[in-house]
Amino acid sequence: MAAVSVRDLDETVRERLRVRAARHGRSMEAEIRAILTEAVSPSTDPRGLAQALLARFGDLGGVELELPSRTQAPRAADLSG
């Protein structure tokens, strides 16, 4: 098992870690391990961003937009100049 030292940690960050660890019922060291493990773990959420946003904010409702009908066929952008 590797050991890592963190020098010059801001006092505010240390205090927030202490409070977060207490909230989760573990030591600061265990909390730091959990944070690092979560930070480098692959995402377990199989949903894409759109689905995650819909799940989070879908109950708020949406906005209905009236889109004007096209009068011209779509064309490629002119990137020549």
PDB file of N, CA and C in Angstrom:
ATOM      1  N   MET A   1       0.858  -1.175   0.000  1.00  0.00           N
ATOM      2  CA  MET A   1       0.000   0.000   0.000  1.00  0.00           C
ATOM      3  C   MET A   1       0.898   1.230   0.000  1.00  0.00           C
ATOM      4  N   ALA A   2       0.636   2.161  -0.875  1.00  0.00           N
ATOM      5  CA  ALA A   2       1.435   3.379  -0.990  1.00  0.00           C
ATOM      6  C   ALA A   2       1.001   4.398   0.051  1.00  0.00           C
ATOM      7  N   ALA A   3       1.960   5.210   0.469  1.00  0.00           N
ATOM      8  CA  ALA A   3       1.680   6.314   1.390  1.00  0.00           C
ATOM      9  C   ALA A   3       1.899   7.615   0.635  1.00  0.00           C
ATOM     10  N   VAL A   4       1.015   8.565   0.852  1.00  0.00           N
ATOM     11  CA  VAL A   4       1.091   9.858   0.188  1.00  0.00           C
ATOM     12  C   VAL A   4       1.007  10.941   1.248  1.00  0.00           C
ATOM     13  N   SER A   5       1.872  11.932   1.138  1.00  0.00           N
ATOM     14  CA  SER A   5       1.823  13.088   2.042  1.00  0.00           C
ATOM     15  C   SER A   5       1.374  14.298   1.249  1.00  0.00           C
ATOM     16  N   VAL A   6       0.538  15.113   1.865  1.00  0.00           N
ATOM     17  CA  VAL A   6       0.079  16.341   1.226  1.00  0.00           C
ATOM     18  C   VAL A   6       0.589  17.502   2.065  1.00  0.00           C
ATOM     19  N   ARG A   7       1.454  18.293   1.481  1.00  0.00           N
ATOM     20  CA  ARG A   7       2.030  19.424   2.202  1.00  0.00           C
ATOM     21  C   ARG A   7       1.296  20.706   1.829  1.00  0.00           C
ATOM     22  N   ASP A   8       1.376  21.663   2.698  1.00  0.00           N
ATOM     23  CA  ASP A   8       0.818  23.004   2.459  1.00  0.00           C
ATOM     24  C   ASP A   8      -0.677  22.971   2.146  1.00  0.00           C
ATOM     25  N   LEU A   9      -1.400  22.094   2.817  1.00  0.00           N
ATOM     26  CA  LEU A   9      -2.847  22.036   2.647  1.00  0.00           C
ATOM     27  C   LEU A   9      -3.466  23.220   3.377  1.00  0.00           C
ATOM     28  N   ASP A  10      -4.286  23.958   2.680  1.00  0.00           N
ATOM     29  CA  ASP A  10      -4.930  25.130   3.261  1.00  0.00           C
ATOM     30  C   ASP A  10      -5.741  24.716   4.490  1.00  0.00           C
ATOM     31  N   GLU A  11      -5.706  25.527   5.506  1.00  0.00           N
ATOM     32  CA  GLU A  11      -6.405  25.225   6.758  1.00  0.00           C
ATOM     33  C   GLU A  11      -7.914  25.098   6.540  1.00  0.00           C
ATOM     34  N   THR A  12      -8.461  25.892   5.651  1.00  0.00           N
ATOM     35  CA  THR A  12      -9.895  25.813   5.358  1.00  0.00           C
ATOM     36  C   THR A  12     -10.241  24.468   4.726  1.00  0.00           C
ATOM     37  N   VAL A  13      -9.394  23.998   3.827  1.00  0.00           N
ATOM     38  CA  VAL A  13      -9.616  22.701   3.185  1.00  0.00           C
ATOM     39  C   VAL A  13      -9.527  21.597   4.224  1.00  0.00           C
ATOM     40  N   ARG A  14      -8.536  21.669   5.102  1.00  0.00           N
ATOM     41  CA  ARG A  14      -8.388  20.662   6.148  1.00  0.00           C
ATOM     42  C   ARG A  14      -9.629  20.619   7.043  1.00  0.00           C
ATOM     43  N   GLU A  15     -10.140  21.781   7.396  1.00  0.00           N
ATOM     44  CA  GLU A  15     -11.320  21.836   8.255  1.00  0.00           C
ATOM     45  C   GLU A  15     -12.542  21.272   7.542  1.00  0.00           C
ATOM     46  N   ARG A  16     -12.690  21.569   6.269  1.00  0.00           N
ATOM     47  CA  ARG A  16     -13.820  21.021   5.516  1.00  0.00           C
ATOM     48  C   ARG A  16     -13.715  19.505   5.394  1.00  0.00           C
ATOM     49  N   LEU A  17     -12.506  19.004   5.211  1.00  0.00           N
ATOM     50  CA  LEU A  17     -12.303  17.555   5.180  1.00  0.00           C
ATOM     51  C   LEU A  17     -12.680  16.923   6.518  1.00  0.00           C
ATOM     52  N   ARG A  18     -12.289  17.578   7.605  1.00  0.00           N
ATOM     53  CA  ARG A  18     -12.599  17.062   8.936  1.00  0.00           C
ATOM     54  C   ARG A  18     -14.110  16.975   9.131  1.00  0.00           C
ATOM     55  N   VAL A  19     -14.820  18.036   8.742  1.00  0.00           N
ATOM     56  CA  VAL A  19     -16.281  18.065   8.896  1.00  0.00           C
ATOM     57  C   VAL A  19     -16.935  17.018   7.995  1.00  0.00           C
ATOM     58  N   ARG A  20     -16.456  16.921   6.764  1.00  0.00           N
ATOM     59  CA  ARG A  20     -17.015  15.927   5.829  1.00  0.00           C
ATOM     60  C   ARG A  20     -16.798  14.512   6.344  1.00  0.00           C
ATOM     61  N   ALA A  21     -15.608  14.245   6.868  1.00  0.00           N
ATOM     62  CA  ALA A  21     -15.306  12.926   7.423  1.00  0.00           C
ATOM     63  C   ALA A  21     -16.230  12.615   8.594  1.00  0.00           C
ATOM     64  N   ALA A  22     -16.434  13.596   9.466  1.00  0.00           N
ATOM     65  CA  ALA A  22     -17.320  13.393  10.624  1.00  0.00           C
ATOM     66  C   ALA A  22     -18.745  13.119  10.163  1.00  0.00           C
ATOM     67  N   ARG A  23     -19.191  13.835   9.135  1.00  0.00           N
ATOM     68  CA  ARG A  23     -20.534  13.627   8.597  1.00  0.00           C
ATOM     69  C   ARG A  23     -20.710  12.208   8.075  1.00  0.00           C
ATOM     70  N   HIS A  24     -19.633  11.639   7.520  1.00  0.00           N
ATOM     71  CA  HIS A  24     -19.693  10.279   6.991  1.00  0.00           C
ATOM     72  C   HIS A  24     -19.271   9.231   8.014  1.00  0.00           C
ATOM     73  N   GLY A  25     -18.942   9.670   9.217  1.00  0.00           N
ATOM     74  CA  GLY A  25     -18.592   8.732  10.285  1.00  0.00           C
ATOM     75  C   GLY A  25     -17.271   8.020  10.071  1.00  0.00           C
ATOM     76  N   ARG A  26     -16.288   8.712   9.508  1.00  0.00           N
ATOM     77  CA  ARG A  26     -14.992   8.084   9.299  1.00  0.00           C
ATOM     78  C   ARG A  26     -13.872   9.086   9.582  1.00  0.00           C
ATOM     79  N   SER A  27     -12.668   8.572   9.629  1.00  0.00           N
ATOM     80  CA  SER A  27     -11.509   9.417   9.888  1.00  0.00           C
ATOM     81  C   SER A  27     -11.219  10.286   8.668  1.00  0.00           C
ATOM     82  N   MET A  28     -10.428  11.335   8.859  1.00  0.00           N
ATOM     83  CA  MET A  28     -10.036  12.175   7.725  1.00  0.00           C
ATOM     84  C   MET A  28      -9.276  11.351   6.698  1.00  0.00           C
ATOM     85  N   GLU A  29      -8.422  10.465   7.167  1.00  0.00           N
ATOM     86  CA  GLU A  29      -7.645   9.631   6.247  1.00  0.00           C
ATOM     87  C   GLU A  29      -8.568   8.747   5.406  1.00  0.00           C
ATOM     88  N   ALA A  30      -9.563   8.141   6.057  1.00  0.00           N
ATOM     89  CA  ALA A  30     -10.517   7.303   5.327  1.00  0.00           C
ATOM     90  C   ALA A  30     -11.346   8.144   4.359  1.00  0.00           C
ATOM     91  N   GLU A  31     -11.687   9.356   4.758  1.00  0.00           N
ATOM     92  CA  GLU A  31     -12.453  10.244   3.886  1.00  0.00           C
ATOM     93  C   GLU A  31     -11.636  10.624   2.654  1.00  0.00           C
ATOM     94  N   ILE A  32     -10.371  10.926   2.847  1.00  0.00           N
ATOM     95  CA  ILE A  32      -9.497  11.282   1.728  1.00  0.00           C
ATOM     96  C   ILE A  32      -9.352  10.095   0.777  1.00  0.00           C
ATOM     97  N   ARG A  33      -9.212   8.884   1.329  1.00  0.00           N
ATOM     98  CA  ARG A  33      -9.142   7.691   0.478  1.00  0.00           C
ATOM     99  C   ARG A  33     -10.418   7.548  -0.348  1.00  0.00           C
ATOM    100  N   ALA A  34     -11.570   7.764   0.291  1.00  0.00           N
ATOM    101  CA  ALA A  34     -12.848   7.633  -0.412  1.00  0.00           C
ATOM    102  C   ALA A  34     -12.966   8.677  -1.523  1.00  0.00           C
ATOM    103  N   ILE A  35     -12.554   9.906  -1.239  1.00  0.00           N
ATOM    104  CA  ILE A  35     -12.618  10.971  -2.240  1.00  0.00           C
ATOM    105  C   ILE A  35     -11.726  10.633  -3.427  1.00  0.00           C
ATOM    106  N   LEU A  36     -10.497  10.209  -3.159  1.00  0.00           N
ATOM    107  CA  LEU A  36      -9.563   9.883  -4.236  1.00  0.00           C
ATOM    108  C   LEU A  36     -10.044   8.685  -5.053  1.00  0.00           C
ATOM    109  N   THR A  37     -10.567   7.677  -4.375  1.00  0.00           N
ATOM    110  CA  THR A  37     -11.079   6.492  -5.065  1.00  0.00           C
ATOM    111  C   THR A  37     -12.222   6.869  -5.996  1.00  0.00           C
ATOM    112  N   GLU A  38     -13.146   7.697  -5.508  1.00  0.00           N
ATOM    113  CA  GLU A  38     -14.275   8.123  -6.333  1.00  0.00           C
ATOM    114  C   GLU A  38     -13.807   8.981  -7.509  1.00  0.00           C
ATOM    115  N   ALA A  39     -12.814   9.818  -7.272  1.00  0.00           N
ATOM    116  CA  ALA A  39     -12.335  10.727  -8.319  1.00  0.00           C
ATOM    117  C   ALA A  39     -11.710   9.985  -9.500  1.00  0.00           C
ATOM    118  N   VAL A  40     -11.080   8.853  -9.249  1.00  0.00           N
ATOM    119  CA  VAL A  40     -10.398   8.145 -10.333  1.00  0.00           C
ATOM    120  C   VAL A  40     -11.158   6.918 -10.817  1.00  0.00           C
ATOM    121  N   SER A  41     -12.317   6.642 -10.244  1.00  0.00           N
ATOM    122  CA  SER A  41     -13.120   5.497 -10.672  1.00  0.00           C
ATOM    123  C   SER A  41     -13.893   5.848 -11.928  1.00  0.00           C
ATOM    124  N   PRO A  42     -14.086   4.870 -12.811  1.00  0.00           N
ATOM    125  CA  PRO A  42     -14.899   5.141 -13.997  1.00  0.00           C
ATOM    126  C   PRO A  42     -16.337   5.416 -13.592  1.00  0.00           C
ATOM    127  N   SER A  43     -17.009   6.206 -14.389  1.00  0.00           N
ATOM    128  CA  SER A  43     -18.391   6.549 -14.102  1.00  0.00           C
ATOM    129  C   SER A  43     -19.251   5.288 -14.127  1.00  0.00           C
ATOM    130  N   THR A  44     -20.138   5.172 -13.164  1.00  0.00           N
ATOM    131  CA  THR A  44     -21.037   4.025 -13.118  1.00  0.00           C
ATOM    132  C   THR A  44     -22.417   4.388 -13.646  1.00  0.00           C
ATOM    133  N   ASP A  45     -22.602   5.640 -14.050  1.00  0.00           N
ATOM    134  CA  ASP A  45     -23.889   6.087 -14.561  1.00  0.00           C
ATOM    135  C   ASP A  45     -23.941   5.819 -16.062  1.00  0.00           C
ATOM    136  N   PRO A  46     -24.752   4.837 -16.489  1.00  0.00           N
ATOM    137  CA  PRO A  46     -24.790   4.501 -17.921  1.00  0.00           C
ATOM    138  C   PRO A  46     -25.546   5.528 -18.756  1.00  0.00           C
ATOM    139  N   ARG A  47     -26.260   6.442 -18.101  1.00  0.00           N
ATOM    140  CA  ARG A  47     -27.025   7.438 -18.845  1.00  0.00           C
ATOM    141  C   ARG A  47     -26.089   8.488 -19.429  1.00  0.00           C
ATOM    142  N   GLY A  48     -26.516   9.066 -20.487  1.00  0.00           N
ATOM    143  CA  GLY A  48     -25.783  10.177 -21.065  1.00  0.00           C
ATOM    144  C   GLY A  48     -26.150  11.460 -20.332  1.00  0.00           C
ATOM    145  N   LEU A  49     -25.524  12.547 -20.707  1.00  0.00           N
ATOM    146  CA  LEU A  49     -25.770  13.831 -20.070  1.00  0.00           C
ATOM    147  C   LEU A  49     -27.234  14.246 -20.197  1.00  0.00           C
ATOM    148  N   ALA A  50     -27.800  14.093 -21.380  1.00  0.00           N
ATOM    149  CA  ALA A  50     -29.190  14.512 -21.583  1.00  0.00           C
ATOM    150  C   ALA A  50     -30.134  13.733 -20.667  1.00  0.00           C
ATOM    151  N   GLN A  51     -29.928  12.441 -20.541  1.00  0.00           N
ATOM    152  CA  GLN A  51     -30.789  11.631 -19.675  1.00  0.00           C
ATOM    153  C   GLN A  51     -30.603  11.999 -18.204  1.00  0.00           C
ATOM    154  N   ALA A  52     -29.365  12.279 -17.798  1.00  0.00           N
ATOM    155  CA  ALA A  52     -29.103  12.677 -16.415  1.00  0.00           C
ATOM    156  C   ALA A  52     -29.780  14.015 -16.108  1.00  0.00           C
ATOM    157  N   LEU A  53     -29.718  14.948 -17.048  1.00  0.00           N
ATOM    158  CA  LEU A  53     -30.374  16.244 -16.844  1.00  0.00           C
ATOM    159  C   LEU A  53     -31.889  16.092 -16.797  1.00  0.00           C
ATOM    160  N   LEU A  54     -32.418  15.257 -17.671  1.00  0.00           N
ATOM    161  CA  LEU A  54     -33.859  15.023 -17.675  1.00  0.00           C
ATOM    162  C   LEU A  54     -34.313  14.396 -16.353  1.00  0.00           C
ATOM    163  N   ALA A  55     -33.550  13.433 -15.858  1.00  0.00           N
ATOM    164  CA  ALA A  55     -33.891  12.791 -14.580  1.00  0.00           C
ATOM    165  C   ALA A  55     -33.851  13.807 -13.446  1.00  0.00           C
ATOM    166  N   ARG A  56     -32.903  14.722 -13.507  1.00  0.00           N
ATOM    167  CA  ARG A  56     -32.739  15.693 -12.423  1.00  0.00           C
ATOM    168  C   ARG A  56     -33.755  16.815 -12.496  1.00  0.00           C
ATOM    169  N   PHE A  57     -34.032  17.325 -13.696  1.00  0.00           N
ATOM    170  CA  PHE A  57     -34.853  18.521 -13.835  1.00  0.00           C
ATOM    171  C   PHE A  57     -36.164  18.296 -14.578  1.00  0.00           C
ATOM    172  N   GLY A  58     -36.457  17.077 -14.992  1.00  0.00           N
ATOM    173  CA  GLY A  58     -37.645  16.795 -15.791  1.00  0.00           C
ATOM    174  C   GLY A  58     -38.945  17.184 -15.121  1.00  0.00           C
ATOM    175  N   ASP A  59     -39.042  17.031 -13.807  1.00  0.00           N
ATOM    176  CA  ASP A  59     -40.276  17.354 -13.099  1.00  0.00           C
ATOM    177  C   ASP A  59     -40.593  18.844 -13.107  1.00  0.00           C
ATOM    178  N   LEU A  60     -39.604  19.669 -13.414  1.00  0.00           N
ATOM    179  CA  LEU A  60     -39.833  21.118 -13.445  1.00  0.00           C
ATOM    180  C   LEU A  60     -40.622  21.537 -14.676  1.00  0.00           C
ATOM    181  N   GLY A  61     -40.678  20.677 -15.657  1.00  0.00           N
ATOM    182  CA  GLY A  61     -41.387  21.006 -16.882  1.00  0.00           C
ATOM    183  C   GLY A  61     -40.452  21.631 -17.894  1.00  0.00           C
ATOM    184  N   GLY A  62     -40.977  21.925 -19.034  1.00  0.00           N
ATOM    185  CA  GLY A  62     -40.138  22.461 -20.092  1.00  0.00           C
ATOM    186  C   GLY A  62     -40.742  23.703 -20.702  1.00  0.00           C
ATOM    187  N   VAL A  63     -40.203  24.074 -21.806  1.00  0.00           N
ATOM    188  CA  VAL A  63     -40.674  25.244 -22.537  1.00  0.00           C
ATOM    189  C   VAL A  63     -41.035  24.783 -23.942  1.00  0.00           C
ATOM    190  N   GLU A  64     -42.196  25.135 -24.370  1.00  0.00           N
ATOM    191  CA  GLU A  64     -42.622  24.807 -25.725  1.00  0.00           C
ATOM    192  C   GLU A  64     -42.239  25.963 -26.640  1.00  0.00           C
ATOM    193  N   LEU A  65     -41.470  25.682 -27.641  1.00  0.00           N
ATOM    194  CA  LEU A  65     -41.043  26.696 -28.589  1.00  0.00           C
ATOM    195  C   LEU A  65     -41.737  26.474 -29.920  1.00  0.00           C
ATOM    196  N   GLU A  66     -42.191  27.560 -30.515  1.00  0.00           N
ATOM    197  CA  GLU A  66     -42.765  27.473 -31.857  1.00  0.00           C
ATOM    198  C   GLU A  66     -41.629  27.685 -32.838  1.00  0.00           C
ATOM    199  N   LEU A  67     -41.371  26.683 -33.630  1.00  0.00           N
ATOM    200  CA  LEU A  67     -40.314  26.773 -34.621  1.00  0.00           C
ATOM    201  C   LEU A  67     -40.919  27.141 -35.959  1.00  0.00           C
ATOM    202  N   PRO A  68     -40.382  28.179 -36.576  1.00  0.00           N
ATOM    203  CA  PRO A  68     -40.926  28.556 -37.888  1.00  0.00           C
ATOM    204  C   PRO A  68     -40.612  27.474 -38.911  1.00  0.00           C
ATOM    205  N   SER A  69     -41.493  27.321 -39.884  1.00  0.00           N
ATOM    206  CA  SER A  69     -41.233  26.323 -40.917  1.00  0.00           C
ATOM    207  C   SER A  69     -40.115  26.831 -41.821  1.00  0.00           C
ATOM    208  N   ARG A  70     -39.388  25.903 -42.384  1.00  0.00           N
ATOM    209  CA  ARG A  70     -38.297  26.268 -43.291  1.00  0.00           C
ATOM    210  C   ARG A  70     -38.868  26.731 -44.620  1.00  0.00           C
ATOM    211  N   THR A  71     -38.282  27.792 -45.115  1.00  0.00           N
ATOM    212  CA  THR A  71     -38.694  28.257 -46.439  1.00  0.00           C
ATOM    213  C   THR A  71     -37.696  27.842 -47.495  1.00  0.00           C
ATOM    214  N   GLN A  72     -36.485  27.477 -47.039  1.00  0.00           N
ATOM    215  CA  GLN A  72     -35.449  27.026 -47.968  1.00  0.00           C
ATOM    216  C   GLN A  72     -34.913  25.687 -47.468  1.00  0.00           C
ATOM    217  N   ALA A  73     -34.422  24.912 -48.408  1.00  0.00           N
ATOM    218  CA  ALA A  73     -33.806  23.631 -48.050  1.00  0.00           C
ATOM    219  C   ALA A  73     -32.487  23.903 -47.325  1.00  0.00           C
ATOM    220  N   PRO A  74     -32.102  23.074 -46.373  1.00  0.00           N
ATOM    221  CA  PRO A  74     -30.828  23.269 -45.695  1.00  0.00           C
ATOM    222  C   PRO A  74     -29.677  23.170 -46.691  1.00  0.00           C
ATOM    223  N   ARG A  75     -28.630  23.926 -46.431  1.00  0.00           N
ATOM    224  CA  ARG A  75     -27.464  23.909 -47.309  1.00  0.00           C
ATOM    225  C   ARG A  75     -26.205  23.878 -46.462  1.00  0.00           C
ATOM    226  N   ALA A  76     -25.122  23.451 -47.076  1.00  0.00           N
ATOM    227  CA  ALA A  76     -23.840  23.388 -46.377  1.00  0.00           C
ATOM    228  C   ALA A  76     -23.314  24.793 -46.127  1.00  0.00           C
ATOM    229  N   ALA A  77     -22.577  24.939 -45.030  1.00  0.00           N
ATOM    230  CA  ALA A  77     -21.972  26.228 -44.715  1.00  0.00           C
ATOM    231  C   ALA A  77     -20.850  26.545 -45.693  1.00  0.00           C
ATOM    232  N   ASP A  78     -20.707  27.806 -46.017  1.00  0.00           N
ATOM    233  CA  ASP A  78     -19.642  28.249 -46.893  1.00  0.00           C
ATOM    234  C   ASP A  78     -18.427  28.602 -46.032  1.00  0.00           C
ATOM    235  N   LEU A  79     -17.405  27.766 -46.069  1.00  0.00           N
ATOM    236  CA  LEU A  79     -16.209  27.955 -45.244  1.00  0.00           C
ATOM    237  C   LEU A  79     -15.020  28.456 -46.051  1.00  0.00           C
ATOM    238  N   SER A  80     -15.283  28.975 -47.231  1.00  0.00           N
ATOM    239  CA  SER A  80     -14.190  29.371 -48.126  1.00  0.00           C
ATOM    240  C   SER A  80     -13.546  30.692 -47.752  1.00  0.00           C
ATOM    241  N   GLY A  81     -14.150  31.494 -46.973  1.00  0.00           N
ATOM    242  CA  GLY A  81     -13.463  32.746 -46.784  1.00  0.00           C
ATOM    243  C   GLY A  81     -13.888  33.566 -45.690  1.00  0.00           C
TER     244      GLY A  81
END
